Amino acid sequence: MIQNSTVDRASITEIQDWTVAYIADLLEIDPDEIDTALPFDRYGLDSTAAVGLTGDLEDWLGIEIDPTLLYDYPTIDSLAKYLAATSGAVNSQQSTDK
């Protein structure tokens, strides 16, 4: 099930920035301390935090995201690249369905 997107097509940079801000807020650290190339588990994100992150990403991007996606794309960089491509494909499909 795909919801209407609130973001026409999020860029890799926008997704990276959103995710960095989310993790920095969660961990109460400065966003500059987040390295987008390091695995999520280096920041101590447990499964509950991972589910929260994917749920909030779903809301922001307006697409359905599998909660296990962070295991398939274990860094902010890899996740952002995947989601940017996915959100673009989803939004293109939504445009042609109208």
C-alpha atoms as a PDB file:
ATOM      1  CA  MET A   1       0.000   0.000   0.000  1.00  0.00           C
ATOM      2  CA  ILE A   2       1.468   3.325  -1.073  1.00  0.00           C
ATOM      3  CA  GLN A   3       0.206   6.564   0.356  1.00  0.00           C
ATOM      4  CA  ASN A   4       0.160   9.898  -1.469  1.00  0.00           C
ATOM      5  CA  SER A   5       3.618  11.373  -1.329  1.00  0.00           C
ATOM      6  CA  THR A   6       4.249  14.568   0.603  1.00  0.00           C
ATOM      7  CA  VAL A   7       7.618  14.922  -1.106  1.00  0.00           C
ATOM      8  CA  ASP A   8       7.549  14.974  -4.916  1.00  0.00           C
ATOM      9  CA  ARG A   9      10.923  13.345  -5.164  1.00  0.00           C
ATOM     10  CA  ALA A  10      13.279  13.567  -2.267  1.00  0.00           C
ATOM     11  CA  SER A  11      16.884  13.923  -3.272  1.00  0.00           C
ATOM     12  CA  ILE A  12      19.667  11.881  -1.755  1.00  0.00           C
ATOM     13  CA  THR A  13      20.904  14.986   0.067  1.00  0.00           C
ATOM     14  CA  GLU A  14      17.451  15.788   1.475  1.00  0.00           C
ATOM     15  CA  ILE A  15      17.064  12.242   2.775  1.00  0.00           C
ATOM     16  CA  GLN A  16      20.570  12.275   4.225  1.00  0.00           C
ATOM     17  CA  ASP A  17      19.924  15.615   5.938  1.00  0.00           C
ATOM     18  CA  TRP A  18      16.578  14.439   7.333  1.00  0.00           C
ATOM     19  CA  THR A  19      18.090  11.197   8.634  1.00  0.00           C
ATOM     20  CA  VAL A  20      21.108  12.959  10.172  1.00  0.00           C
ATOM     21  CA  ALA A  21      18.811  15.429  11.942  1.00  0.00           C
ATOM     22  CA  TYR A  22      16.572  12.580  13.141  1.00  0.00           C
ATOM     23  CA  ILE A  23      19.454  10.545  14.581  1.00  0.00           C
ATOM     24  CA  ALA A  24      21.154  13.600  16.076  1.00  0.00           C
ATOM     25  CA  ASP A  25      17.903  14.559  17.802  1.00  0.00           C
ATOM     26  CA  LEU A  26      17.341  10.997  18.986  1.00  0.00           C
ATOM     27  CA  LEU A  27      20.856  10.733  20.427  1.00  0.00           C
ATOM     28  CA  GLU A  28      20.945  14.363  21.582  1.00  0.00           C
ATOM     29  CA  ILE A  29      24.165  15.077  19.727  1.00  0.00           C
ATOM     30  CA  ASP A  30      25.250  17.665  17.181  1.00  0.00           C
ATOM     31  CA  PRO A  31      24.372  16.697  13.583  1.00  0.00           C
ATOM     32  CA  ASP A  32      28.022  17.332  12.648  1.00  0.00           C
ATOM     33  CA  GLU A  33      28.932  14.294  14.766  1.00  0.00           C
ATOM     34  CA  ILE A  34      26.988  11.970  12.441  1.00  0.00           C
ATOM     35  CA  ASP A  35      29.031  10.269   9.719  1.00  0.00           C
ATOM     36  CA  THR A  36      26.692   9.191   6.926  1.00  0.00           C
ATOM     37  CA  ALA A  37      29.089   6.421   5.864  1.00  0.00           C
ATOM     38  CA  LEU A  38      29.057   4.656   9.258  1.00  0.00           C
ATOM     39  CA  PRO A  39      26.577   1.835   9.909  1.00  0.00           C
ATOM     40  CA  PHE A  40      23.487   2.660  11.960  1.00  0.00           C
ATOM     41  CA  ASP A  41      24.528   0.185  14.636  1.00  0.00           C
ATOM     42  CA  ARG A  42      27.616   2.318  15.361  1.00  0.00           C
ATOM     43  CA  TYR A  43      25.187   4.884  16.774  1.00  0.00           C
ATOM     44  CA  GLY A  44      23.585   2.317  19.053  1.00  0.00           C
ATOM     45  CA  LEU A  45      20.227   2.237  17.300  1.00  0.00           C
ATOM     46  CA  ASP A  46      18.260  -0.734  18.565  1.00  0.00           C
ATOM     47  CA  SER A  47      15.352  -2.371  16.761  1.00  0.00           C
ATOM     48  CA  THR A  48      12.844  -0.034  18.412  1.00  0.00           C
ATOM     49  CA  ALA A  49      14.756   3.032  17.191  1.00  0.00           C
ATOM     50  CA  ALA A  50      15.055   1.484  13.711  1.00  0.00           C
ATOM     51  CA  VAL A  51      11.293   0.915  13.528  1.00  0.00           C
ATOM     52  CA  GLY A  52      10.680   4.482  14.718  1.00  0.00           C
ATOM     53  CA  LEU A  53      13.076   5.850  12.115  1.00  0.00           C
ATOM     54  CA  THR A  54      11.499   3.905   9.251  1.00  0.00           C
ATOM     55  CA  GLY A  55       8.005   4.866  10.407  1.00  0.00           C
ATOM     56  CA  ASP A  56       8.869   8.547  10.476  1.00  0.00           C
ATOM     57  CA  LEU A  57      10.593   8.244   7.088  1.00  0.00           C
ATOM     58  CA  GLU A  58       7.388   6.665   5.745  1.00  0.00           C
ATOM     59  CA  ASP A  59       5.390   9.624   6.991  1.00  0.00           C
ATOM     60  CA  TRP A  60       7.847  12.162   5.578  1.00  0.00           C
ATOM     61  CA  LEU A  61       8.295  10.517   2.174  1.00  0.00           C
ATOM     62  CA  GLY A  62       4.727   9.271   1.848  1.00  0.00           C
ATOM     63  CA  ILE A  63       5.808   5.771   0.837  1.00  0.00           C
ATOM     64  CA  GLU A  64       5.665   2.433   2.619  1.00  0.00           C
ATOM     65  CA  ILE A  65       9.030   1.343   4.020  1.00  0.00           C
ATOM     66  CA  ASP A  66       9.846  -2.093   5.374  1.00  0.00           C
ATOM     67  CA  PRO A  67      11.131  -1.752   8.967  1.00  0.00           C
ATOM     68  CA  THR A  68      13.993  -4.136   8.131  1.00  0.00           C
ATOM     69  CA  LEU A  69      15.294  -1.792   5.423  1.00  0.00           C
ATOM     70  CA  LEU A  70      18.054  -0.530   7.718  1.00  0.00           C
ATOM     71  CA  TYR A  71      19.551  -4.017   7.680  1.00  0.00           C
ATOM     72  CA  ASP A  72      19.618  -4.062   3.876  1.00  0.00           C
ATOM     73  CA  TYR A  73      20.941  -0.480   3.668  1.00  0.00           C
ATOM     74  CA  PRO A  74      22.992  -0.120   6.867  1.00  0.00           C
ATOM     75  CA  THR A  75      24.298   3.426   6.382  1.00  0.00           C
ATOM     76  CA  ILE A  76      22.631   6.780   5.890  1.00  0.00           C
ATOM     77  CA  ASP A  77      24.334   7.057   2.495  1.00  0.00           C
ATOM     78  CA  SER A  78      23.110   3.695   1.198  1.00  0.00           C
ATOM     79  CA  LEU A  79      19.615   4.192   2.627  1.00  0.00           C
ATOM     80  CA  ALA A  80      19.316   7.675   1.100  1.00  0.00           C
ATOM     81  CA  LYS A  81      20.392   6.467  -2.341  1.00  0.00           C
ATOM     82  CA  TYR A  82      17.875   3.626  -2.236  1.00  0.00           C
ATOM     83  CA  LEU A  83      15.020   5.789  -0.945  1.00  0.00           C
ATOM     84  CA  ALA A  84      15.678   8.601  -3.424  1.00  0.00           C
ATOM     85  CA  ALA A  85      15.459   6.110  -6.280  1.00  0.00           C
ATOM     86  CA  THR A  86      12.413   4.403  -4.750  1.00  0.00           C
ATOM     87  CA  SER A  87      10.491   7.585  -3.960  1.00  0.00           C
ATOM     88  CA  GLY A  88      11.093   8.807  -7.508  1.00  0.00           C
ATOM     89  CA  ALA A  89       9.831   5.551  -8.993  1.00  0.00           C
ATOM     90  CA  VAL A  90       6.799   5.506  -6.705  1.00  0.00           C
ATOM     91  CA  ASN A  91       5.936   9.110  -7.512  1.00  0.00           C
ATOM     92  CA  SER A  92       6.333   8.533 -11.248  1.00  0.00           C
ATOM     93  CA  GLN A  93       3.914   5.604 -10.989  1.00  0.00           C
ATOM     94  CA  GLN A  94       1.449   7.704  -8.959  1.00  0.00           C
ATOM     95  CA  SER A  95       1.549  10.418 -11.641  1.00  0.00           C
ATOM     96  CA  THR A  96       0.727   7.955 -14.404  1.00  0.00           C
ATOM     97  CA  ASP A  97      -2.087   6.396 -12.350  1.00  0.00           C
ATOM     98  CA  LYS A  98      -3.980   9.706 -12.135  1.00  0.00           C
END
